[in-house]
Amino acid sequence: MKIILTADVDSLGNAGDVVEVKDGYARNFLLPRSVALIANEHNMAVYEKVRQQREAQASRAVREAETLAEGLKEVSCNVAVRAGEEDRIFGSVTAQQISVALSDLGFDIDRRAIEIEEPIRALGVYDIPIRLHADVKASVKVWVVRE
């Protein structure tokens, strides 16, 4: 039986692939779990439209992320923290603090997108990478200053 995969299946292929499987595997496993459709003319046409819409939405998301990356390229934000002797701070600067500092500048960045390689535990200037999309990354200059 020919089917169209609507989700990635490890042993068969990726979403959108048209594959040939045994009838029982399709009827008893793939179709009840909604990971496949029977490959007839109507389903092929419907799934092609859905695929085109997904591709358009994905390309729009990449364009928006690239635009945001261009805007973030020249941004630097300040994070004020309490510091002790020798410019060592109490605790460390978190992604949440950086996210709040960026939102004060008008950039709504999720804290989970901020990738801090090592904990920031001293005053200074740091380049922090931000993952805006799977294909788009940006870097923001963060000034850690004394409160």
Protein backbone atom coordinates (compact mmCIF):
# COMPACT_ATOMS: atom_id res chain seq x y z
CA MET A 1 0.00 0.00 0.00
CA LYS A 2 1.28 3.47 -0.86
CA ILE A 3 1.07 6.02 1.94
CA ILE A 4 2.08 9.63 2.57
CA LEU A 5 3.94 10.14 5.84
CA THR A 6 2.61 13.07 7.87
CA ALA A 7 5.30 12.73 10.54
CA ASP A 8 8.86 11.43 10.66
CA VAL A 9 9.03 7.67 11.14
CA ASP A 10 12.47 6.27 11.97
CA SER A 11 12.40 3.16 9.81
CA LEU A 12 10.45 4.64 6.88
CA GLY A 13 11.27 8.27 6.16
CA ASN A 14 10.44 11.89 6.81
CA ALA A 15 7.15 13.77 6.73
CA GLY A 16 5.91 14.24 3.17
CA ASP A 17 7.58 11.14 1.74
CA VAL A 18 5.48 8.73 -0.30
CA VAL A 19 6.46 5.18 0.64
CA GLU A 20 5.29 1.64 -0.04
CA VAL A 21 4.50 -0.44 3.06
CA LYS A 22 2.66 -3.67 3.79
CA ASP A 23 -1.10 -3.33 4.13
CA GLY A 24 -1.25 -4.55 7.73
CA TYR A 25 1.49 -2.16 8.90
CA ALA A 26 -0.39 0.76 7.38
CA ARG A 27 -3.85 -0.26 8.63
CA ASN A 28 -2.86 -1.37 12.12
CA PHE A 29 -0.02 0.98 13.02
CA LEU A 30 0.51 4.03 10.79
CA LEU A 31 -3.05 5.10 9.98
CA PRO A 32 -4.51 4.78 13.54
CA ARG A 33 -1.62 6.85 14.93
CA SER A 34 -2.19 9.57 12.28
CA VAL A 35 1.40 9.45 11.04
CA ALA A 36 0.32 8.53 7.50
CA LEU A 37 -2.40 9.02 4.90
CA ILE A 38 -3.40 6.67 2.09
CA ALA A 39 -1.74 7.96 -1.09
CA ASN A 40 -4.74 8.61 -3.34
CA GLU A 41 -5.16 11.59 -5.67
CA HIS A 42 -7.20 13.65 -3.22
CA ASN A 43 -4.81 13.15 -0.27
CA MET A 44 -1.80 13.85 -2.51
CA ALA A 45 -3.31 17.18 -3.61
CA VAL A 46 -4.31 18.17 -0.08
CA TYR A 47 -0.95 17.25 1.40
CA GLU A 48 0.90 19.12 -1.36
CA LYS A 49 -0.98 22.31 -0.41
CA VAL A 50 -0.20 21.76 3.27
CA ARG A 51 3.47 21.17 2.43
CA GLN A 52 3.64 24.40 0.42
CA GLN A 53 2.05 26.34 3.29
CA ARG A 54 4.56 24.87 5.76
CA GLU A 55 7.47 25.76 3.49
CA ALA A 56 6.19 29.33 3.11
CA GLN A 57 5.75 29.64 6.87
CA ALA A 58 9.25 28.27 7.49
CA SER A 59 10.85 30.68 5.02
CA ARG A 60 8.93 33.57 6.59
CA ALA A 61 10.23 32.56 10.04
CA VAL A 62 13.80 32.49 8.71
CA ARG A 63 13.39 35.95 7.16
CA GLU A 64 12.01 37.35 10.42
CA ALA A 65 14.88 35.81 12.38
CA GLU A 66 17.43 37.28 9.94
CA THR A 67 15.82 40.71 10.30
CA LEU A 68 15.95 40.42 14.08
CA ALA A 69 19.59 39.30 13.88
CA GLU A 70 20.45 42.42 11.86
CA GLY A 71 18.80 44.56 14.53
CA LEU A 72 20.62 42.76 17.35
CA LYS A 73 24.01 43.08 15.65
CA GLU A 74 24.59 46.61 16.96
CA VAL A 75 22.85 46.26 20.33
CA SER A 76 24.61 46.22 23.66
CA CYS A 77 22.82 45.91 26.97
CA ASN A 78 23.79 46.52 30.57
CA VAL A 79 23.19 44.06 33.38
CA ALA A 80 23.69 45.61 36.82
CA VAL A 81 24.75 43.17 39.53
CA ARG A 82 26.13 43.35 43.07
CA ALA A 83 29.87 42.82 43.11
CA GLY A 84 32.41 42.23 45.83
CA GLU A 85 36.16 42.57 45.88
CA GLU A 86 38.19 42.11 42.71
CA ASP A 87 35.08 42.65 40.57
CA ARG A 88 33.68 39.21 41.41
CA ILE A 89 29.90 39.15 41.41
CA PHE A 90 27.65 37.32 43.84
CA GLY A 91 26.18 34.38 41.93
CA SER A 92 26.24 34.65 38.15
CA VAL A 93 24.47 36.47 35.34
CA THR A 94 21.63 34.34 34.01
CA ALA A 95 19.93 34.16 30.64
CA GLN A 96 16.80 35.54 32.29
CA GLN A 97 18.65 38.72 33.33
CA ILE A 98 19.97 39.17 29.80
CA SER A 99 16.48 38.57 28.38
CA VAL A 100 15.02 41.25 30.67
CA ALA A 101 17.78 43.70 29.68
CA LEU A 102 17.06 43.07 25.99
CA SER A 103 13.31 43.47 26.50
CA ASP A 104 14.00 46.87 28.09
CA LEU A 105 15.65 47.79 24.78
CA GLY A 106 12.62 46.58 22.81
CA PHE A 107 13.81 43.11 21.76
CA ASP A 108 11.61 40.24 22.91
CA ILE A 109 14.05 37.34 23.19
CA ASP A 110 13.15 34.13 25.01
CA ARG A 111 15.61 33.20 27.74
CA ARG A 112 15.95 29.68 26.30
CA ALA A 113 17.36 31.14 23.07
CA ILE A 114 20.27 32.76 24.91
CA GLU A 115 23.28 30.45 24.90
CA ILE A 116 25.70 31.19 27.72
CA GLU A 117 28.68 28.83 27.37
CA GLU A 118 30.21 29.47 30.79
CA PRO A 119 28.67 31.15 33.83
CA ILE A 120 29.38 34.89 33.92
CA ARG A 121 30.87 35.58 37.35
CA ALA A 122 32.92 38.74 36.84
CA LEU A 123 32.33 42.29 35.69
CA GLY A 124 33.20 43.02 32.09
CA VAL A 125 32.03 42.85 28.49
CA TYR A 126 30.82 39.56 27.01
CA ASP A 127 29.64 38.49 23.57
CA ILE A 128 26.61 36.28 24.11
CA PRO A 129 25.28 34.14 21.22
CA ILE A 130 21.53 34.01 20.68
CA ARG A 131 19.83 31.26 18.66
CA LEU A 132 16.94 32.96 16.88
CA HIS A 133 16.17 30.05 14.54
CA ALA A 134 17.76 26.72 13.72
CA ASP A 135 19.65 28.41 10.87
CA VAL A 136 20.06 31.92 12.30
CA LYS A 137 22.27 33.02 15.19
CA ALA A 138 23.10 36.48 16.46
CA SER A 139 25.54 37.87 18.98
CA VAL A 140 24.83 40.55 21.58
CA LYS A 141 27.35 42.52 23.59
CA VAL A 142 26.49 42.38 27.30
CA TRP A 143 28.09 44.79 29.77
CA VAL A 144 28.10 43.39 33.29
CA VAL A 145 28.43 46.44 35.55
CA ARG A 146 28.44 47.12 39.27
CA GLU A 147 25.05 47.95 40.76
